[in-house]
Amino acid sequence: MHPAKGNHIFTIDSPYAAVRVIREGDCLTVDSSVFIVKADNVYTPIPTGFKVQAASGEEIQPSGQFLMSAETLDPYHIVIDWNGRKGEF
């Protein structure tokens, strides 16, 4: 089951840097190096209360807003740090 709920699902119109994460409860732990995702991926904001953390357990803060892929299945997801305006969908 995908952890995101609601109807804020959208695409970003250009390739974007991303990381793969593993969901463990309300933690999304980065388990890959940075890679580029295609422009047609579908994203949604990470659920309220979720945090993104490094493999060491250190919490990572977004420079914009964390979005997660809407077409992936637990426990693996793709996360981007989207630098659009916060709340702009």
C-alpha atoms as a PDB file:
ATOM      1  CA  MET A   1       0.000   0.000   0.000  1.00  0.00           C
ATOM      2  CA  HIS A   2       1.260   3.481  -0.812  1.00  0.00           C
ATOM      3  CA  PRO A   3       1.507   5.734   2.271  1.00  0.00           C
ATOM      4  CA  ALA A   4       0.327   8.911   0.490  1.00  0.00           C
ATOM      5  CA  LYS A   5      -3.340   9.806   0.630  1.00  0.00           C
ATOM      6  CA  GLY A   6      -5.308  12.585  -1.050  1.00  0.00           C
ATOM      7  CA  ASN A   7      -5.488  13.927  -4.547  1.00  0.00           C
ATOM      8  CA  HIS A   8      -2.334  16.061  -4.850  1.00  0.00           C
ATOM      9  CA  ILE A   9      -0.711  14.033  -7.605  1.00  0.00           C
ATOM     10  CA  PHE A  10       1.176  15.761 -10.396  1.00  0.00           C
ATOM     11  CA  THR A  11       4.158  15.562 -12.736  1.00  0.00           C
ATOM     12  CA  ILE A  12       7.202  17.802 -12.970  1.00  0.00           C
ATOM     13  CA  ASP A  13       7.934  18.771 -16.544  1.00  0.00           C
ATOM     14  CA  SER A  14      11.685  18.141 -16.597  1.00  0.00           C
ATOM     15  CA  PRO A  15      14.178  15.500 -15.445  1.00  0.00           C
ATOM     16  CA  TYR A  16      15.016  15.856 -11.741  1.00  0.00           C
ATOM     17  CA  ALA A  17      17.594  14.587  -9.235  1.00  0.00           C
ATOM     18  CA  ALA A  18      16.201  11.890  -6.929  1.00  0.00           C
ATOM     19  CA  VAL A  19      17.095   9.191  -4.412  1.00  0.00           C
ATOM     20  CA  ARG A  20      15.536   5.829  -3.646  1.00  0.00           C
ATOM     21  CA  VAL A  21      14.241   5.378  -0.108  1.00  0.00           C
ATOM     22  CA  ILE A  22      12.976   2.484   1.973  1.00  0.00           C
ATOM     23  CA  ARG A  23       9.847   3.158   4.023  1.00  0.00           C
ATOM     24  CA  GLU A  24       9.998   1.915   7.609  1.00  0.00           C
ATOM     25  CA  GLY A  25       6.903   3.198   9.405  1.00  0.00           C
ATOM     26  CA  ASP A  26       6.942   6.981   9.083  1.00  0.00           C
ATOM     27  CA  CYS A  27      10.653   7.124   8.145  1.00  0.00           C
ATOM     28  CA  LEU A  28      11.937   7.208   4.584  1.00  0.00           C
ATOM     29  CA  THR A  29      15.574   6.078   4.705  1.00  0.00           C
ATOM     30  CA  VAL A  30      17.817   6.948   1.759  1.00  0.00           C
ATOM     31  CA  ASP A  31      19.408   3.776   0.369  1.00  0.00           C
ATOM     32  CA  SER A  32      20.870   4.936  -2.947  1.00  0.00           C
ATOM     33  CA  SER A  33      23.030   7.561  -4.505  1.00  0.00           C
ATOM     34  CA  VAL A  34      21.520  10.439  -6.483  1.00  0.00           C
ATOM     35  CA  PHE A  35      20.148   9.658  -9.941  1.00  0.00           C
ATOM     36  CA  ILE A  36      18.032  11.488 -12.532  1.00  0.00           C
ATOM     37  CA  VAL A  37      14.341  10.616 -12.970  1.00  0.00           C
ATOM     38  CA  LYS A  38      12.422  11.170 -16.183  1.00  0.00           C
ATOM     39  CA  ALA A  39      10.068  14.105 -16.585  1.00  0.00           C
ATOM     40  CA  ASP A  40       6.936  11.933 -16.743  1.00  0.00           C
ATOM     41  CA  ASN A  41       7.133  10.490 -13.204  1.00  0.00           C
ATOM     42  CA  VAL A  42       4.142  11.217 -10.974  1.00  0.00           C
ATOM     43  CA  TYR A  43       4.674  12.711  -7.476  1.00  0.00           C
ATOM     44  CA  THR A  44       2.771  13.575  -4.327  1.00  0.00           C
ATOM     45  CA  PRO A  45       3.902  15.343  -1.131  1.00  0.00           C
ATOM     46  CA  ILE A  46       5.213  12.991   1.538  1.00  0.00           C
ATOM     47  CA  PRO A  47       2.569  12.430   4.223  1.00  0.00           C
ATOM     48  CA  THR A  48       2.465  14.757   7.222  1.00  0.00           C
ATOM     49  CA  GLY A  49       4.633  13.405  10.023  1.00  0.00           C
ATOM     50  CA  PHE A  50       6.977  11.462   7.751  1.00  0.00           C
ATOM     51  CA  LYS A  51      10.687  12.236   7.806  1.00  0.00           C
ATOM     52  CA  VAL A  52      13.493  11.573   5.363  1.00  0.00           C
ATOM     53  CA  GLN A  53      16.713  10.315   6.908  1.00  0.00           C
ATOM     54  CA  ALA A  54      20.197   9.237   5.904  1.00  0.00           C
ATOM     55  CA  ALA A  55      21.265   5.621   6.443  1.00  0.00           C
ATOM     56  CA  SER A  56      23.003   6.866   9.625  1.00  0.00           C
ATOM     57  CA  GLY A  57      19.610   7.946  11.017  1.00  0.00           C
ATOM     58  CA  GLU A  58      20.291  11.679  10.696  1.00  0.00           C
ATOM     59  CA  GLU A  59      17.180  13.554   9.562  1.00  0.00           C
ATOM     60  CA  ILE A  60      17.475  15.366   6.220  1.00  0.00           C
ATOM     61  CA  GLN A  61      15.695  18.699   5.796  1.00  0.00           C
ATOM     62  CA  PRO A  62      14.405  19.717   2.339  1.00  0.00           C
ATOM     63  CA  SER A  63      15.623  22.875   0.669  1.00  0.00           C
ATOM     64  CA  GLY A  64      12.158  23.062  -0.911  1.00  0.00           C
ATOM     65  CA  GLN A  65       9.588  20.325  -0.332  1.00  0.00           C
ATOM     66  CA  PHE A  66      10.017  16.542  -0.337  1.00  0.00           C
ATOM     67  CA  LEU A  67       7.847  14.748  -2.857  1.00  0.00           C
ATOM     68  CA  MET A  68       7.583  10.995  -3.318  1.00  0.00           C
ATOM     69  CA  SER A  69       6.749   8.956  -6.358  1.00  0.00           C
ATOM     70  CA  ALA A  70       3.082   8.054  -6.592  1.00  0.00           C
ATOM     71  CA  GLU A  71       3.609   4.982  -8.779  1.00  0.00           C
ATOM     72  CA  THR A  72       5.912   2.977  -6.506  1.00  0.00           C
ATOM     73  CA  LEU A  73       5.029   0.287  -3.978  1.00  0.00           C
ATOM     74  CA  ASP A  74       6.122  -0.128  -0.385  1.00  0.00           C
ATOM     75  CA  PRO A  75       8.739  -0.336   0.873  1.00  0.00           C
ATOM     76  CA  TYR A  76      10.667   1.351  -1.990  1.00  0.00           C
ATOM     77  CA  HIS A  77       9.918   4.868  -3.216  1.00  0.00           C
ATOM     78  CA  ILE A  78      11.629   7.679  -5.108  1.00  0.00           C
ATOM     79  CA  VAL A  79      11.986  11.015  -3.306  1.00  0.00           C
ATOM     80  CA  ILE A  80      12.869  14.398  -4.771  1.00  0.00           C
ATOM     81  CA  ASP A  81      13.580  17.708  -3.043  1.00  0.00           C
ATOM     82  CA  TRP A  82      11.343  19.869  -5.206  1.00  0.00           C
ATOM     83  CA  ASN A  83      12.325  23.516  -5.324  1.00  0.00           C
ATOM     84  CA  GLY A  84       9.014  24.832  -6.632  1.00  0.00           C
ATOM     85  CA  ARG A  85       7.021  27.039  -4.319  1.00  0.00           C
ATOM     86  CA  LYS A  86       5.836  25.148  -1.251  1.00  0.00           C
ATOM     87  CA  GLY A  87       2.282  23.978  -1.707  1.00  0.00           C
ATOM     88  CA  GLU A  88       2.310  24.752  -5.460  1.00  0.00           C
ATOM     89  CA  PHE A  89       0.796  21.786  -7.275  1.00  0.00           C
END
